[in-house]
Amino acid sequence: MLMLLLAVVLLVVLLVFIAYYISIYNRLQSLRNGAEATLGQVRVALKKRLDMIEQLVESVKSYARFERETFESITRMRASLGRA
């Protein structure tokens, strides 16, 4: 009778440890999935920021071209006024 009781207690303890292990494993998997989802959101935000920076660079280049042409035009006009 004592052996049966000991076997039942050991089985219950073993089942508790298995349930605890499964619980911990599931929690870790949940944390990993959350971390991967967050990392994905960060990657999307960084890609969006990079695209915006590239667009800003193109806008600045375009404006610099316009500004250079404007200053060259003004310089030519001043030079022609000086000759006239």
N, C-alpha and C. Protein backbone atom coordinates (compact mmCIF):
# COMPACT_ATOMS: atom_id res chain seq x y z
N MET A 1 0.82 -1.19 0.00
CA MET A 1 0.00 0.00 0.00
C MET A 1 0.87 1.26 0.00
N LEU A 2 1.93 1.24 0.78
CA LEU A 2 2.84 2.37 0.84
C LEU A 2 3.52 2.62 -0.50
N MET A 3 3.89 1.56 -1.18
CA MET A 3 4.52 1.68 -2.50
C MET A 3 3.56 2.30 -3.51
N LEU A 4 2.30 1.94 -3.44
CA LEU A 4 1.31 2.50 -4.35
C LEU A 4 1.13 3.99 -4.08
N LEU A 5 1.07 4.36 -2.81
CA LEU A 5 0.94 5.77 -2.45
C LEU A 5 2.17 6.56 -2.91
N LEU A 6 3.35 6.01 -2.73
CA LEU A 6 4.58 6.65 -3.17
C LEU A 6 4.59 6.81 -4.69
N ALA A 7 4.14 5.80 -5.40
CA ALA A 7 4.09 5.85 -6.86
C ALA A 7 3.11 6.92 -7.32
N VAL A 8 1.97 7.03 -6.66
CA VAL A 8 0.97 8.03 -7.03
C VAL A 8 1.53 9.44 -6.76
N VAL A 9 2.18 9.63 -5.61
CA VAL A 9 2.75 10.93 -5.28
C VAL A 9 3.83 11.30 -6.29
N LEU A 10 4.70 10.37 -6.63
CA LEU A 10 5.74 10.64 -7.63
C LEU A 10 5.13 10.96 -8.99
N LEU A 11 4.09 10.26 -9.36
CA LEU A 11 3.41 10.52 -10.63
C LEU A 11 2.80 11.91 -10.63
N VAL A 12 2.18 12.30 -9.52
CA VAL A 12 1.58 13.63 -9.42
C VAL A 12 2.67 14.70 -9.50
N VAL A 13 3.77 14.50 -8.79
CA VAL A 13 4.88 15.45 -8.83
C VAL A 13 5.44 15.54 -10.24
N LEU A 14 5.60 14.42 -10.90
CA LEU A 14 6.09 14.40 -12.28
C LEU A 14 5.14 15.14 -13.20
N LEU A 15 3.85 14.94 -13.04
CA LEU A 15 2.86 15.63 -13.87
C LEU A 15 2.88 17.13 -13.61
N VAL A 16 3.09 17.53 -12.36
CA VAL A 16 3.18 18.95 -12.04
C VAL A 16 4.41 19.56 -12.72
N PHE A 17 5.55 18.87 -12.66
CA PHE A 17 6.75 19.37 -13.33
C PHE A 17 6.56 19.46 -14.85
N ILE A 18 5.91 18.48 -15.42
CA ILE A 18 5.65 18.50 -16.87
C ILE A 18 4.72 19.67 -17.22
N ALA A 19 3.68 19.86 -16.43
CA ALA A 19 2.76 20.97 -16.68
C ALA A 19 3.48 22.30 -16.53
N TYR A 20 4.36 22.41 -15.53
CA TYR A 20 5.13 23.64 -15.33
C TYR A 20 6.06 23.88 -16.52
N TYR A 21 6.73 22.84 -16.99
CA TYR A 21 7.62 22.96 -18.13
C TYR A 21 6.85 23.41 -19.37
N ILE A 22 5.70 22.83 -19.61
CA ILE A 22 4.88 23.21 -20.76
C ILE A 22 4.43 24.66 -20.63
N SER A 23 4.06 25.05 -19.43
CA SER A 23 3.64 26.43 -19.20
C SER A 23 4.79 27.40 -19.48
N ILE A 24 5.97 27.10 -18.98
CA ILE A 24 7.14 27.96 -19.22
C ILE A 24 7.47 28.00 -20.71
N TYR A 25 7.44 26.86 -21.37
CA TYR A 25 7.74 26.79 -22.80
C TYR A 25 6.76 27.65 -23.60
N ASN A 26 5.48 27.53 -23.29
CA ASN A 26 4.47 28.33 -24.00
C ASN A 26 4.67 29.82 -23.74
N ARG A 27 5.02 30.18 -22.53
CA ARG A 27 5.27 31.59 -22.20
C ARG A 27 6.47 32.12 -22.99
N LEU A 28 7.52 31.34 -23.08
CA LEU A 28 8.70 31.76 -23.85
C LEU A 28 8.38 31.90 -25.33
N GLN A 29 7.58 30.98 -25.85
CA GLN A 29 7.18 31.08 -27.26
C GLN A 29 6.35 32.33 -27.50
N SER A 30 5.47 32.62 -26.56
CA SER A 30 4.65 33.82 -26.67
C SER A 30 5.51 35.08 -26.65
N LEU A 31 6.50 35.11 -25.77
CA LEU A 31 7.41 36.26 -25.70
C LEU A 31 8.23 36.38 -26.99
N ARG A 32 8.67 35.25 -27.53
CA ARG A 32 9.43 35.28 -28.77
C ARG A 32 8.58 35.82 -29.91
N ASN A 33 7.34 35.36 -30.00
CA ASN A 33 6.45 35.85 -31.06
C ASN A 33 6.20 37.35 -30.92
N GLY A 34 6.02 37.80 -29.69
CA GLY A 34 5.82 39.23 -29.47
C GLY A 34 7.05 40.04 -29.86
N ALA A 35 8.23 39.51 -29.52
CA ALA A 35 9.47 40.21 -29.87
C ALA A 35 9.65 40.26 -31.39
N GLU A 36 9.35 39.17 -32.07
CA GLU A 36 9.47 39.16 -33.53
C GLU A 36 8.49 40.13 -34.17
N ALA A 37 7.28 40.21 -33.64
CA ALA A 37 6.29 41.15 -34.17
C ALA A 37 6.75 42.59 -33.96
N THR A 38 7.28 42.87 -32.78
CA THR A 38 7.78 44.22 -32.50
C THR A 38 8.96 44.56 -33.40
N LEU A 39 9.86 43.61 -33.59
CA LEU A 39 11.00 43.83 -34.47
C LEU A 39 10.54 44.08 -35.90
N GLY A 40 9.50 43.38 -36.32
CA GLY A 40 8.94 43.63 -37.65
C GLY A 40 8.40 45.04 -37.78
N GLN A 41 7.75 45.53 -36.74
CA GLN A 41 7.24 46.90 -36.77
C GLN A 41 8.38 47.91 -36.81
N VAL A 42 9.45 47.63 -36.09
CA VAL A 42 10.62 48.52 -36.11
C VAL A 42 11.22 48.55 -37.51
N ARG A 43 11.33 47.38 -38.13
CA ARG A 43 11.89 47.32 -39.50
C ARG A 43 11.04 48.13 -40.47
N VAL A 44 9.72 48.02 -40.34
CA VAL A 44 8.83 48.78 -41.22
C VAL A 44 9.03 50.28 -41.00
N ALA A 45 9.11 50.68 -39.74
CA ALA A 45 9.31 52.11 -39.43
C ALA A 45 10.64 52.61 -39.97
N LEU A 46 11.69 51.81 -39.84
CA LEU A 46 13.00 52.21 -40.36
C LEU A 46 12.99 52.30 -41.88
N LYS A 47 12.32 51.37 -42.53
CA LYS A 47 12.22 51.40 -44.00
C LYS A 47 11.46 52.66 -44.44
N LYS A 48 10.39 52.97 -43.73
CA LYS A 48 9.61 54.17 -44.05
C LYS A 48 10.46 55.42 -43.87
N ARG A 49 11.23 55.46 -42.80
CA ARG A 49 12.10 56.61 -42.54
C ARG A 49 13.17 56.73 -43.62
N LEU A 50 13.74 55.61 -44.03
CA LEU A 50 14.75 55.62 -45.08
C LEU A 50 14.16 56.14 -46.39
N ASP A 51 12.95 55.69 -46.71
CA ASP A 51 12.29 56.17 -47.93
C ASP A 51 12.04 57.68 -47.85
N MET A 52 11.64 58.15 -46.69
CA MET A 52 11.38 59.59 -46.53
C MET A 52 12.68 60.39 -46.66
N ILE A 53 13.78 59.86 -46.13
CA ILE A 53 15.07 60.54 -46.25
C ILE A 53 15.49 60.61 -47.71
N GLU A 54 15.30 59.51 -48.44
CA GLU A 54 15.65 59.50 -49.86
C GLU A 54 14.81 60.52 -50.63
N GLN A 55 13.54 60.62 -50.30
CA GLN A 55 12.68 61.61 -50.96
C GLN A 55 13.13 63.03 -50.61
N LEU A 56 13.52 63.24 -49.38
CA LEU A 56 14.00 64.56 -48.95
C LEU A 56 15.29 64.93 -49.68
N VAL A 57 16.18 63.98 -49.84
CA VAL A 57 17.43 64.24 -50.56
C VAL A 57 17.12 64.64 -52.00
N GLU A 58 16.20 63.93 -52.63
CA GLU A 58 15.83 64.27 -54.01
C GLU A 58 15.21 65.66 -54.08
N SER A 59 14.39 66.00 -53.11
CA SER A 59 13.77 67.33 -53.09
C SER A 59 14.83 68.42 -52.93
N VAL A 60 15.78 68.18 -52.05
CA VAL A 60 16.84 69.16 -51.82
C VAL A 60 17.70 69.30 -53.07
N LYS A 61 18.00 68.20 -53.74
CA LYS A 61 18.78 68.27 -54.98
C LYS A 61 18.03 69.08 -56.03
N SER A 62 16.75 68.83 -56.14
CA SER A 62 15.93 69.56 -57.11
C SER A 62 15.92 71.05 -56.79
N TYR A 63 15.74 71.37 -55.53
CA TYR A 63 15.72 72.78 -55.13
C TYR A 63 17.09 73.42 -55.32
N ALA A 64 18.15 72.69 -55.04
CA ALA A 64 19.51 73.23 -55.22
C ALA A 64 19.75 73.52 -56.70
N ARG A 65 19.28 72.65 -57.56
CA ARG A 65 19.41 72.87 -59.00
C ARG A 65 18.66 74.15 -59.39
N PHE A 66 17.44 74.30 -58.91
CA PHE A 66 16.64 75.49 -59.20
C PHE A 66 17.34 76.75 -58.68
N GLU A 67 17.85 76.66 -57.46
CA GLU A 67 18.51 77.81 -56.85
C GLU A 67 19.77 78.20 -57.64
N ARG A 68 20.55 77.21 -58.03
CA ARG A 68 21.76 77.48 -58.80
C ARG A 68 21.41 78.16 -60.13
N GLU A 69 20.40 77.63 -60.81
CA GLU A 69 19.98 78.23 -62.08
C GLU A 69 19.49 79.66 -61.87
N THR A 70 18.78 79.90 -60.78
CA THR A 70 18.28 81.24 -60.49
C THR A 70 19.44 82.21 -60.25
N PHE A 71 20.41 81.79 -59.44
CA PHE A 71 21.56 82.66 -59.17
C PHE A 71 22.37 82.91 -60.44
N GLU A 72 22.53 81.89 -61.26
CA GLU A 72 23.26 82.08 -62.52
C GLU A 72 22.52 83.07 -63.42
N SER A 73 21.20 82.95 -63.45
CA SER A 73 20.39 83.87 -64.26
C SER A 73 20.52 85.29 -63.74
N ILE A 74 20.46 85.46 -62.43
CA ILE A 74 20.60 86.79 -61.83
C ILE A 74 21.99 87.35 -62.14
N THR A 75 23.01 86.51 -62.04
CA THR A 75 24.37 86.96 -62.33
C THR A 75 24.51 87.41 -63.77
N ARG A 76 23.94 86.64 -64.70
CA ARG A 76 23.98 87.03 -66.12
C ARG A 76 23.25 88.35 -66.34
N MET A 77 22.10 88.51 -65.70
CA MET A 77 21.34 89.75 -65.86
C MET A 77 22.11 90.95 -65.31
N ARG A 78 22.76 90.78 -64.15
CA ARG A 78 23.56 91.87 -63.59
C ARG A 78 24.74 92.21 -64.51
N ALA A 79 25.34 91.16 -65.04
CA ALA A 79 26.48 91.39 -65.93
C ALA A 79 26.04 92.13 -67.19
N SER A 80 24.87 91.77 -67.71
CA SER A 80 24.38 92.44 -68.92
C SER A 80 23.99 93.88 -68.60
N LEU A 81 23.51 94.15 -67.40
CA LEU A 81 23.19 95.52 -67.00
C LEU A 81 24.46 96.36 -66.87
N GLY A 82 25.52 95.73 -66.40
CA GLY A 82 26.78 96.43 -66.24
C GLY A 82 27.39 96.80 -67.57
N ARG A 83 27.16 95.99 -68.59
CA ARG A 83 27.70 96.26 -69.93
C ARG A 83 26.86 97.28 -70.68
N ALA A 84 25.60 97.36 -70.31
CA ALA A 84 24.70 98.25 -71.06
C ALA A 84 24.84 99.70 -70.71
